[in-house]
Amino acid sequence: MTDSTQHDAARRNRLLEAAQQEMIKFERKENEFRKKDRAERAAELQPPLDKLNIH
């Protein structure tokens, strides 16, 4: 390999690693958002227990 090819490969690898790290951060934020959203929707769907009359 020539120096240019090695340099290009190293640069590409650094860019790929940076892109992977950004994707990991995005996925974590997305998962937290979905978890929070599910909890909020579940809370809205919960029937108010104090209004139920169970005999």
PDB file of N, CA and C in Angstrom:
ATOM      1  N   MET A   1       0.846  -1.193   0.000  1.00  0.00           N
ATOM      2  CA  MET A   1       0.000   0.000   0.000  1.00  0.00           C
ATOM      3  C   MET A   1       0.883   1.245   0.000  1.00  0.00           C
ATOM      4  N   THR A   2       0.396   2.241  -0.628  1.00  0.00           N
ATOM      5  CA  THR A   2       1.140   3.482  -0.623  1.00  0.00           C
ATOM      6  C   THR A   2       0.772   4.271   0.618  1.00  0.00           C
ATOM      7  N   ASP A   3       1.562   5.267   0.898  1.00  0.00           N
ATOM      8  CA  ASP A   3       1.278   6.105   2.066  1.00  0.00           C
ATOM      9  C   ASP A   3      -0.081   6.778   1.953  1.00  0.00           C
ATOM     10  N   SER A   4      -0.429   7.191   0.734  1.00  0.00           N
ATOM     11  CA  SER A   4      -1.717   7.855   0.517  1.00  0.00           C
ATOM     12  C   SER A   4      -2.878   6.908   0.810  1.00  0.00           C
ATOM     13  N   THR A   5      -2.747   5.667   0.360  1.00  0.00           N
ATOM     14  CA  THR A   5      -3.810   4.685   0.580  1.00  0.00           C
ATOM     15  C   THR A   5      -3.949   4.381   2.064  1.00  0.00           C
ATOM     16  N   GLN A   6      -2.832   4.240   2.748  1.00  0.00           N
ATOM     17  CA  GLN A   6      -2.860   3.984   4.192  1.00  0.00           C
ATOM     18  C   GLN A   6      -3.470   5.165   4.933  1.00  0.00           C
ATOM     19  N   HIS A   7      -3.108   6.364   4.512  1.00  0.00           N
ATOM     20  CA  HIS A   7      -3.659   7.569   5.141  1.00  0.00           C
ATOM     21  C   HIS A   7      -5.166   7.640   4.924  1.00  0.00           C
ATOM     22  N   ASP A   8      -5.602   7.321   3.694  1.00  0.00           N
ATOM     23  CA  ASP A   8      -7.034   7.340   3.383  1.00  0.00           C
ATOM     24  C   ASP A   8      -7.790   6.296   4.210  1.00  0.00           C
ATOM     25  N   ALA A   9      -7.206   5.118   4.358  1.00  0.00           N
ATOM     26  CA  ALA A   9      -7.844   4.052   5.136  1.00  0.00           C
ATOM     27  C   ALA A   9      -7.934   4.447   6.612  1.00  0.00           C
ATOM     28  N   ALA A  10      -6.880   5.038   7.138  1.00  0.00           N
ATOM     29  CA  ALA A  10      -6.881   5.464   8.534  1.00  0.00           C
ATOM     30  C   ALA A  10      -7.923   6.566   8.753  1.00  0.00           C
ATOM     31  N   ARG A  11      -8.002   7.482   7.813  1.00  0.00           N
ATOM     32  CA  ARG A  11      -8.987   8.572   7.917  1.00  0.00           C
ATOM     33  C   ARG A  11     -10.408   8.007   7.856  1.00  0.00           C
ATOM     34  N   ARG A  12     -10.638   7.069   6.930  1.00  0.00           N
ATOM     35  CA  ARG A  12     -11.950   6.451   6.809  1.00  0.00           C
ATOM     36  C   ARG A  12     -12.314   5.714   8.099  1.00  0.00           C
ATOM     37  N   ASN A  13     -11.355   5.009   8.677  1.00  0.00           N
ATOM     38  CA  ASN A  13     -11.614   4.289   9.926  1.00  0.00           C
ATOM     39  C   ASN A  13     -11.968   5.244  11.062  1.00  0.00           C
ATOM     40  N   ARG A  14     -11.281   6.369  11.131  1.00  0.00           N
ATOM     41  CA  ARG A  14     -11.605   7.363  12.170  1.00  0.00           C
ATOM     42  C   ARG A  14     -13.012   7.923  11.969  1.00  0.00           C
ATOM     43  N   LEU A  15     -13.365   8.181  10.704  1.00  0.00           N
ATOM     44  CA  LEU A  15     -14.702   8.700  10.417  1.00  0.00           C
ATOM     45  C   LEU A  15     -15.778   7.663  10.746  1.00  0.00           C
ATOM     46  N   LEU A  16     -15.510   6.408  10.410  1.00  0.00           N
ATOM     47  CA  LEU A  16     -16.465   5.354  10.727  1.00  0.00           C
ATOM     48  C   LEU A  16     -16.645   5.201  12.237  1.00  0.00           C
ATOM     49  N   GLU A  17     -15.558   5.260  12.965  1.00  0.00           N
ATOM     50  CA  GLU A  17     -15.639   5.155  14.423  1.00  0.00           C
ATOM     51  C   GLU A  17     -16.423   6.326  15.010  1.00  0.00           C
ATOM     52  N   ALA A  18     -16.177   7.522  14.502  1.00  0.00           N
ATOM     53  CA  ALA A  18     -16.915   8.694  14.984  1.00  0.00           C
ATOM     54  C   ALA A  18     -18.397   8.557  14.666  1.00  0.00           C
ATOM     55  N   ALA A  19     -18.708   8.061  13.475  1.00  0.00           N
ATOM     56  CA  ALA A  19     -20.112   7.875  13.096  1.00  0.00           C
ATOM     57  C   ALA A  19     -20.777   6.831  13.989  1.00  0.00           C
ATOM     58  N   GLN A  20     -20.067   5.764  14.299  1.00  0.00           N
ATOM     59  CA  GLN A  20     -20.616   4.737  15.179  1.00  0.00           C
ATOM     60  C   GLN A  20     -20.875   5.290  16.577  1.00  0.00           C
ATOM     61  N   GLN A  21     -19.957   6.095  17.077  1.00  0.00           N
ATOM     62  CA  GLN A  21     -20.143   6.685  18.404  1.00  0.00           C
ATOM     63  C   GLN A  21     -21.356   7.623  18.415  1.00  0.00           C
ATOM     64  N   GLU A  22     -21.524   8.393  17.351  1.00  0.00           N
ATOM     65  CA  GLU A  22     -22.691   9.277  17.258  1.00  0.00           C
ATOM     66  C   GLU A  22     -23.982   8.463  17.197  1.00  0.00           C
ATOM     67  N   MET A  23     -23.962   7.364  16.485  1.00  0.00           N
ATOM     68  CA  MET A  23     -25.145   6.503  16.384  1.00  0.00           C
ATOM     69  C   MET A  23     -25.478   5.905  17.745  1.00  0.00           C
ATOM     70  N   ILE A  24     -24.473   5.495  18.487  1.00  0.00           N
ATOM     71  CA  ILE A  24     -24.695   4.952  19.828  1.00  0.00           C
ATOM     72  C   ILE A  24     -25.328   6.012  20.722  1.00  0.00           C
ATOM     73  N   LYS A  25     -24.823   7.237  20.668  1.00  0.00           N
ATOM     74  CA  LYS A  25     -25.403   8.319  21.482  1.00  0.00           C
ATOM     75  C   LYS A  25     -26.853   8.579  21.083  1.00  0.00           C
ATOM     76  N   PHE A  26     -27.110   8.601  19.773  1.00  0.00           N
ATOM     77  CA  PHE A  26     -28.464   8.834  19.287  1.00  0.00           C
ATOM     78  C   PHE A  26     -29.405   7.733  19.761  1.00  0.00           C
ATOM     79  N   GLU A  27     -28.962   6.474  19.645  1.00  0.00           N
ATOM     80  CA  GLU A  27     -29.803   5.350  20.051  1.00  0.00           C
ATOM     81  C   GLU A  27     -30.110   5.394  21.544  1.00  0.00           C
ATOM     82  N   ARG A  28     -29.142   5.784  22.351  1.00  0.00           N
ATOM     83  CA  ARG A  28     -29.382   5.910  23.796  1.00  0.00           C
ATOM     84  C   ARG A  28     -30.435   6.978  24.081  1.00  0.00           C
ATOM     85  N   LYS A  29     -30.294   8.125  23.422  1.00  0.00           N
ATOM     86  CA  LYS A  29     -31.268   9.206  23.629  1.00  0.00           C
ATOM     87  C   LYS A  29     -32.654   8.782  23.156  1.00  0.00           C
ATOM     88  N   GLU A  30     -32.701   8.104  22.018  1.00  0.00           N
ATOM     89  CA  GLU A  30     -33.975   7.640  21.477  1.00  0.00           C
ATOM     90  C   GLU A  30     -34.631   6.635  22.421  1.00  0.00           C
ATOM     91  N   ASN A  31     -33.839   5.710  22.960  1.00  0.00           N
ATOM     92  CA  ASN A  31     -34.373   4.725  23.899  1.00  0.00           C
ATOM     93  C   ASN A  31     -34.911   5.388  25.160  1.00  0.00           C
ATOM     94  N   GLU A  32     -34.194   6.375  25.674  1.00  0.00           N
ATOM     95  CA  GLU A  32     -34.666   7.094  26.862  1.00  0.00           C
ATOM     96  C   GLU A  32     -35.958   7.850  26.561  1.00  0.00           C
ATOM     97  N   PHE A  33     -36.018   8.475  25.379  1.00  0.00           N
ATOM     98  CA  PHE A  33     -37.223   9.195  24.990  1.00  0.00           C
ATOM     99  C   PHE A  33     -38.413   8.248  24.906  1.00  0.00           C
ATOM    100  N   ARG A  34     -38.207   7.100  24.258  1.00  0.00           N
ATOM    101  CA  ARG A  34     -39.304   6.135  24.119  1.00  0.00           C
ATOM    102  C   ARG A  34     -39.747   5.597  25.476  1.00  0.00           C
ATOM    103  N   LYS A  35     -38.798   5.335  26.348  1.00  0.00           N
ATOM    104  CA  LYS A  35     -39.118   4.832  27.681  1.00  0.00           C
ATOM    105  C   LYS A  35     -39.965   5.862  28.442  1.00  0.00           C
ATOM    106  N   LYS A  36     -39.551   7.120  28.373  1.00  0.00           N
ATOM    107  CA  LYS A  36     -40.289   8.190  29.043  1.00  0.00           C
ATOM    108  C   LYS A  36     -41.679   8.344  28.427  1.00  0.00           C
ATOM    109  N   ASP A  37     -41.756   8.292  27.096  1.00  0.00           N
ATOM    110  CA  ASP A  37     -43.029   8.433  26.402  1.00  0.00           C
ATOM    111  C   ASP A  37     -43.984   7.300  26.773  1.00  0.00           C
ATOM    112  N   ARG A  38     -43.476   6.067  26.815  1.00  0.00           N
ATOM    113  CA  ARG A  38     -44.314   4.928  27.206  1.00  0.00           C
ATOM    114  C   ARG A  38     -44.843   5.103  28.624  1.00  0.00           C
ATOM    115  N   ALA A  39     -43.977   5.546  29.534  1.00  0.00           N
ATOM    116  CA  ALA A  39     -44.394   5.731  30.921  1.00  0.00           C
ATOM    117  C   ALA A  39     -45.473   6.814  31.024  1.00  0.00           C
ATOM    118  N   GLU A  40     -45.298   7.891  30.277  1.00  0.00           N
ATOM    119  CA  GLU A  40     -46.296   8.970  30.305  1.00  0.00           C
ATOM    120  C   GLU A  40     -47.638   8.498  29.748  1.00  0.00           C
ATOM    121  N   ARG A  41     -47.599   7.762  28.639  1.00  0.00           N
ATOM    122  CA  ARG A  41     -48.850   7.259  28.059  1.00  0.00           C
ATOM    123  C   ARG A  41     -49.506   6.237  28.973  1.00  0.00           C
ATOM    124  N   ALA A  42     -48.717   5.404  29.614  1.00  0.00           N
ATOM    125  CA  ALA A  42     -49.268   4.419  30.542  1.00  0.00           C
ATOM    126  C   ALA A  42     -49.930   5.115  31.728  1.00  0.00           C
ATOM    127  N   ALA A  43     -49.324   6.186  32.206  1.00  0.00           N
ATOM    128  CA  ALA A  43     -49.896   6.927  33.324  1.00  0.00           C
ATOM    129  C   ALA A  43     -51.238   7.551  32.921  1.00  0.00           C
ATOM    130  N   GLU A  44     -51.326   8.015  31.692  1.00  0.00           N
ATOM    131  CA  GLU A  44     -52.582   8.600  31.215  1.00  0.00           C
ATOM    132  C   GLU A  44     -53.678   7.548  31.089  1.00  0.00           C
ATOM    133  N   LEU A  45     -53.297   6.319  30.791  1.00  0.00           N
ATOM    134  CA  LEU A  45     -54.275   5.256  30.601  1.00  0.00           C
ATOM    135  C   LEU A  45     -54.699   4.588  31.906  1.00  0.00           C
ATOM    136  N   GLN A  46     -53.982   4.840  32.972  1.00  0.00           N
ATOM    137  CA  GLN A  46     -54.319   4.233  34.262  1.00  0.00           C
ATOM    138  C   GLN A  46     -55.661   4.785  34.745  1.00  0.00           C
ATOM    139  N   PRO A  47     -56.588   3.912  35.129  1.00  0.00           N
ATOM    140  CA  PRO A  47     -57.849   4.409  35.672  1.00  0.00           C
ATOM    141  C   PRO A  47     -57.593   4.966  37.079  1.00  0.00           C
ATOM    142  N   PRO A  48     -58.290   6.027  37.412  1.00  0.00           N
ATOM    143  CA  PRO A  48     -58.123   6.573  38.761  1.00  0.00           C
ATOM    144  C   PRO A  48     -58.690   5.592  39.796  1.00  0.00           C
ATOM    145  N   LEU A  49     -57.843   5.038  40.613  1.00  0.00           N
ATOM    146  CA  LEU A  49     -58.257   4.011  41.545  1.00  0.00           C
ATOM    147  C   LEU A  49     -59.172   4.536  42.650  1.00  0.00           C
ATOM    148  N   ASP A  50     -59.025   5.797  42.996  1.00  0.00           N
ATOM    149  CA  ASP A  50     -59.869   6.332  44.076  1.00  0.00           C
ATOM    150  C   ASP A  50     -61.320   6.494  43.647  1.00  0.00           C
ATOM    151  N   LYS A  51     -61.602   6.514  42.368  1.00  0.00           N
ATOM    152  CA  LYS A  51     -62.982   6.656  41.880  1.00  0.00           C
ATOM    153  C   LYS A  51     -63.669   5.310  41.658  1.00  0.00           C
ATOM    154  N   LEU A  52     -62.912   4.229  41.700  1.00  0.00           N
ATOM    155  CA  LEU A  52     -63.508   2.907  41.513  1.00  0.00           C
ATOM    156  C   LEU A  52     -64.196   2.455  42.790  1.00  0.00           C
ATOM    157  N   ASN A  53     -65.381   1.927  42.634  1.00  0.00           N
ATOM    158  CA  ASN A  53     -66.112   1.378  43.765  1.00  0.00           C
ATOM    159  C   ASN A  53     -66.130  -0.136  43.626  1.00  0.00           C
ATOM    160  N   ILE A  54     -65.281  -0.778  44.378  1.00  0.00           N
ATOM    161  CA  ILE A  54     -65.211  -2.232  44.329  1.00  0.00           C
ATOM    162  C   ILE A  54     -65.925  -2.771  45.563  1.00  0.00           C
ATOM    163  N   HIS A  55     -66.925  -3.620  45.346  1.00  0.00           N
ATOM    164  CA  HIS A  55     -67.678  -4.165  46.475  1.00  0.00           C
ATOM    165  C   HIS A  55     -67.301  -5.589  46.699  1.00  0.00           C
TER     166      HIS A  55
END
